[in-house]
Amino acid sequence: MPDIDRTADVKVTVAQEKVTAEIPLAGHASKHWLEFFSALVSQDRHQLNAQAEDREDRAWVIVWLPSAGPDFNPEPMLDAARALISQANGIEQQFQSGAAQIEGAVRAWWARQ
């Protein structure tokens, strides 16, 4: 389960009306984790414009922010992205735990055959 990699640097790109913040995650994300994150973004009450990508080097969470002027504070949106990363990790952990339990049950069944 990827988490924010605080040893790497965030990538910030400014283009026209948008600022893009690419948050580096430690390691790679599974297909399930990417799906969980996407589902959480679509349900997010902050209407966060974000997506997760697993690239060659690592997984990234990309957040698109409006360049709304000097009074705009991006921290609540970035905090929301961080919270969704944590939620996706929790869901992935539950998924892996459930899968491990099912695997154990299948192996126990097989041993009794």
C-alpha atoms as a PDB file:
ATOM      1  CA  MET A   1       0.000   0.000   0.000  1.00  0.00           C
ATOM      2  CA  PRO A   2       1.595   3.209  -1.062  1.00  0.00           C
ATOM      3  CA  ASP A   3       1.800   6.172   1.252  1.00  0.00           C
ATOM      4  CA  ILE A   4       3.174   9.652   0.732  1.00  0.00           C
ATOM      5  CA  ASP A   5       6.940   9.530   0.230  1.00  0.00           C
ATOM      6  CA  ARG A   6       8.206  12.405   2.318  1.00  0.00           C
ATOM      7  CA  THR A   7      11.776  11.799   1.124  1.00  0.00           C
ATOM      8  CA  ALA A   8      10.818  12.700  -2.464  1.00  0.00           C
ATOM      9  CA  ASP A   9       9.835  16.125  -3.722  1.00  0.00           C
ATOM     10  CA  VAL A  10       6.360  17.117  -4.833  1.00  0.00           C
ATOM     11  CA  LYS A  11       6.092  18.188  -8.479  1.00  0.00           C
ATOM     12  CA  VAL A  12       4.267  21.468  -9.083  1.00  0.00           C
ATOM     13  CA  THR A  13       3.355  22.626 -12.580  1.00  0.00           C
ATOM     14  CA  VAL A  14       1.698  25.925 -13.434  1.00  0.00           C
ATOM     15  CA  ALA A  15      -0.128  26.133 -16.755  1.00  0.00           C
ATOM     16  CA  GLN A  16      -2.769  28.653 -17.775  1.00  0.00           C
ATOM     17  CA  GLU A  17      -5.650  28.483 -15.287  1.00  0.00           C
ATOM     18  CA  LYS A  18      -4.491  25.388 -13.369  1.00  0.00           C
ATOM     19  CA  VAL A  19      -1.788  24.364 -10.957  1.00  0.00           C
ATOM     20  CA  THR A  20      -0.948  20.679 -10.841  1.00  0.00           C
ATOM     21  CA  ALA A  21       0.512  19.122  -7.696  1.00  0.00           C
ATOM     22  CA  GLU A  22       1.935  15.638  -8.153  1.00  0.00           C
ATOM     23  CA  ILE A  23       2.315  13.921  -4.783  1.00  0.00           C
ATOM     24  CA  PRO A  24       4.918  11.125  -4.794  1.00  0.00           C
ATOM     25  CA  LEU A  25       3.982   7.863  -3.140  1.00  0.00           C
ATOM     26  CA  ALA A  26       6.441   5.335  -1.788  1.00  0.00           C
ATOM     27  CA  GLY A  27       6.518   2.387  -4.144  1.00  0.00           C
ATOM     28  CA  HIS A  28       3.902   1.204  -6.569  1.00  0.00           C
ATOM     29  CA  ALA A  29       0.139   0.921  -6.239  1.00  0.00           C
ATOM     30  CA  SER A  30      -1.861  -2.189  -7.045  1.00  0.00           C
ATOM     31  CA  LYS A  31      -4.674  -2.094  -9.559  1.00  0.00           C
ATOM     32  CA  HIS A  32      -7.100  -2.490  -6.645  1.00  0.00           C
ATOM     33  CA  TRP A  33      -5.587   0.463  -4.786  1.00  0.00           C
ATOM     34  CA  LEU A  34      -5.883   2.658  -7.882  1.00  0.00           C
ATOM     35  CA  GLU A  35      -9.532   1.630  -8.253  1.00  0.00           C
ATOM     36  CA  PHE A  36     -10.224   2.299  -4.558  1.00  0.00           C
ATOM     37  CA  PHE A  37      -8.626   5.741  -4.794  1.00  0.00           C
ATOM     38  CA  SER A  38     -10.611   6.601  -7.929  1.00  0.00           C
ATOM     39  CA  ALA A  39     -13.867   5.545  -6.262  1.00  0.00           C
ATOM     40  CA  LEU A  40     -13.072   7.615  -3.185  1.00  0.00           C
ATOM     41  CA  VAL A  41     -12.320  10.682  -5.317  1.00  0.00           C
ATOM     42  CA  SER A  42     -15.671  10.342  -7.069  1.00  0.00           C
ATOM     43  CA  GLN A  43     -17.428  10.238  -3.667  1.00  0.00           C
ATOM     44  CA  ASP A  44     -15.376  13.045  -2.117  1.00  0.00           C
ATOM     45  CA  ARG A  45     -17.394  15.892  -0.624  1.00  0.00           C
ATOM     46  CA  HIS A  46     -14.587  18.367  -1.340  1.00  0.00           C
ATOM     47  CA  GLN A  47     -15.081  17.787  -5.077  1.00  0.00           C
ATOM     48  CA  LEU A  48     -11.393  17.078  -5.363  1.00  0.00           C
ATOM     49  CA  ASN A  49     -10.035  16.934  -8.902  1.00  0.00           C
ATOM     50  CA  ALA A  50      -7.437  14.201  -8.485  1.00  0.00           C
ATOM     51  CA  GLN A  51      -6.305  10.848  -9.783  1.00  0.00           C
ATOM     52  CA  ALA A  52      -3.693   8.256  -8.909  1.00  0.00           C
ATOM     53  CA  GLU A  53      -1.270   6.836 -11.445  1.00  0.00           C
ATOM     54  CA  ASP A  54       1.241   4.040 -11.202  1.00  0.00           C
ATOM     55  CA  ARG A  55       4.205   5.050 -13.315  1.00  0.00           C
ATOM     56  CA  GLU A  56       7.496   3.354 -14.052  1.00  0.00           C
ATOM     57  CA  ASP A  57       9.268   4.873 -11.039  1.00  0.00           C
ATOM     58  CA  ARG A  58       6.473   4.927  -8.441  1.00  0.00           C
ATOM     59  CA  ALA A  59       2.833   5.763  -7.845  1.00  0.00           C
ATOM     60  CA  TRP A  60       1.701   9.391  -7.884  1.00  0.00           C
ATOM     61  CA  VAL A  61      -1.426  11.238  -6.837  1.00  0.00           C
ATOM     62  CA  ILE A  62      -2.090  14.158  -9.154  1.00  0.00           C
ATOM     63  CA  VAL A  63      -4.214  17.021  -7.838  1.00  0.00           C
ATOM     64  CA  TRP A  64      -5.430  19.787 -10.145  1.00  0.00           C
ATOM     65  CA  LEU A  65      -5.895  23.090  -8.351  1.00  0.00           C
ATOM     66  CA  PRO A  66      -7.380  26.304  -9.651  1.00  0.00           C
ATOM     67  CA  SER A  67      -4.974  29.212  -9.829  1.00  0.00           C
ATOM     68  CA  ALA A  68      -7.600  31.373  -8.157  1.00  0.00           C
ATOM     69  CA  GLY A  69      -5.423  34.228  -7.068  1.00  0.00           C
ATOM     70  CA  PRO A  70      -3.489  35.212  -3.968  1.00  0.00           C
ATOM     71  CA  ASP A  71      -6.301  34.429  -1.496  1.00  0.00           C
ATOM     72  CA  PHE A  72      -6.723  30.810  -2.597  1.00  0.00           C
ATOM     73  CA  ASN A  73      -5.391  28.324  -0.051  1.00  0.00           C
ATOM     74  CA  PRO A  74      -4.675  24.890  -1.604  1.00  0.00           C
ATOM     75  CA  GLU A  75      -3.963  23.178   1.737  1.00  0.00           C
ATOM     76  CA  PRO A  76      -7.530  21.918   2.374  1.00  0.00           C
ATOM     77  CA  MET A  77      -7.573  20.251  -1.045  1.00  0.00           C
ATOM     78  CA  LEU A  78      -4.137  18.722  -0.513  1.00  0.00           C
ATOM     79  CA  ASP A  79      -5.214  17.564   2.965  1.00  0.00           C
ATOM     80  CA  ALA A  80      -8.269  15.961   1.344  1.00  0.00           C
ATOM     81  CA  ALA A  81      -5.982  14.127  -1.099  1.00  0.00           C
ATOM     82  CA  ARG A  82      -3.831  12.920   1.805  1.00  0.00           C
ATOM     83  CA  ALA A  83      -6.950  11.689   3.611  1.00  0.00           C
ATOM     84  CA  LEU A  84      -8.083   9.784   0.512  1.00  0.00           C
ATOM     85  CA  ILE A  85      -4.649   8.151   0.247  1.00  0.00           C
ATOM     86  CA  SER A  86      -5.047   6.949   3.856  1.00  0.00           C
ATOM     87  CA  GLN A  87      -8.592   5.725   3.181  1.00  0.00           C
ATOM     88  CA  ALA A  88      -7.479   3.820   0.073  1.00  0.00           C
ATOM     89  CA  ASN A  89      -4.711   2.222   2.142  1.00  0.00           C
ATOM     90  CA  GLY A  90      -7.251   1.149   4.771  1.00  0.00           C
ATOM     91  CA  ILE A  91      -9.545  -0.373   2.145  1.00  0.00           C
ATOM     92  CA  GLU A  92      -6.609  -2.158   0.497  1.00  0.00           C
ATOM     93  CA  GLN A  93      -5.521  -3.527   3.882  1.00  0.00           C
ATOM     94  CA  GLN A  94      -9.038  -4.871   4.543  1.00  0.00           C
ATOM     95  CA  PHE A  95      -9.113  -6.396   1.070  1.00  0.00           C
ATOM     96  CA  GLN A  96      -5.742  -8.104   1.590  1.00  0.00           C
ATOM     97  CA  SER A  97      -6.780  -9.355   5.029  1.00  0.00           C
ATOM     98  CA  GLY A  98     -10.018 -10.801   3.653  1.00  0.00           C
ATOM     99  CA  ALA A  99      -8.174 -12.414   0.745  1.00  0.00           C
ATOM    100  CA  ALA A 100      -5.658 -13.970   3.164  1.00  0.00           C
ATOM    101  CA  GLN A 101      -8.488 -15.406   5.269  1.00  0.00           C
ATOM    102  CA  ILE A 102     -10.151 -16.904   2.204  1.00  0.00           C
ATOM    103  CA  GLU A 103      -6.837 -18.339   1.037  1.00  0.00           C
ATOM    104  CA  GLY A 104      -6.353 -19.941   4.448  1.00  0.00           C
ATOM    105  CA  ALA A 105      -9.825 -21.450   4.325  1.00  0.00           C
ATOM    106  CA  VAL A 106      -9.229 -22.841   0.829  1.00  0.00           C
ATOM    107  CA  ARG A 107      -5.915 -24.385   1.933  1.00  0.00           C
ATOM    108  CA  ALA A 108      -7.524 -25.874   5.050  1.00  0.00           C
ATOM    109  CA  TRP A 109     -10.278 -27.356   2.890  1.00  0.00           C
ATOM    110  CA  TRP A 110      -7.669 -28.760   0.502  1.00  0.00           C
ATOM    111  CA  ALA A 111      -5.699 -30.307   3.361  1.00  0.00           C
ATOM    112  CA  ARG A 112      -8.844 -32.177   4.486  1.00  0.00           C
ATOM    113  CA  GLN A 113      -9.408 -33.716   1.055  1.00  0.00           C
END
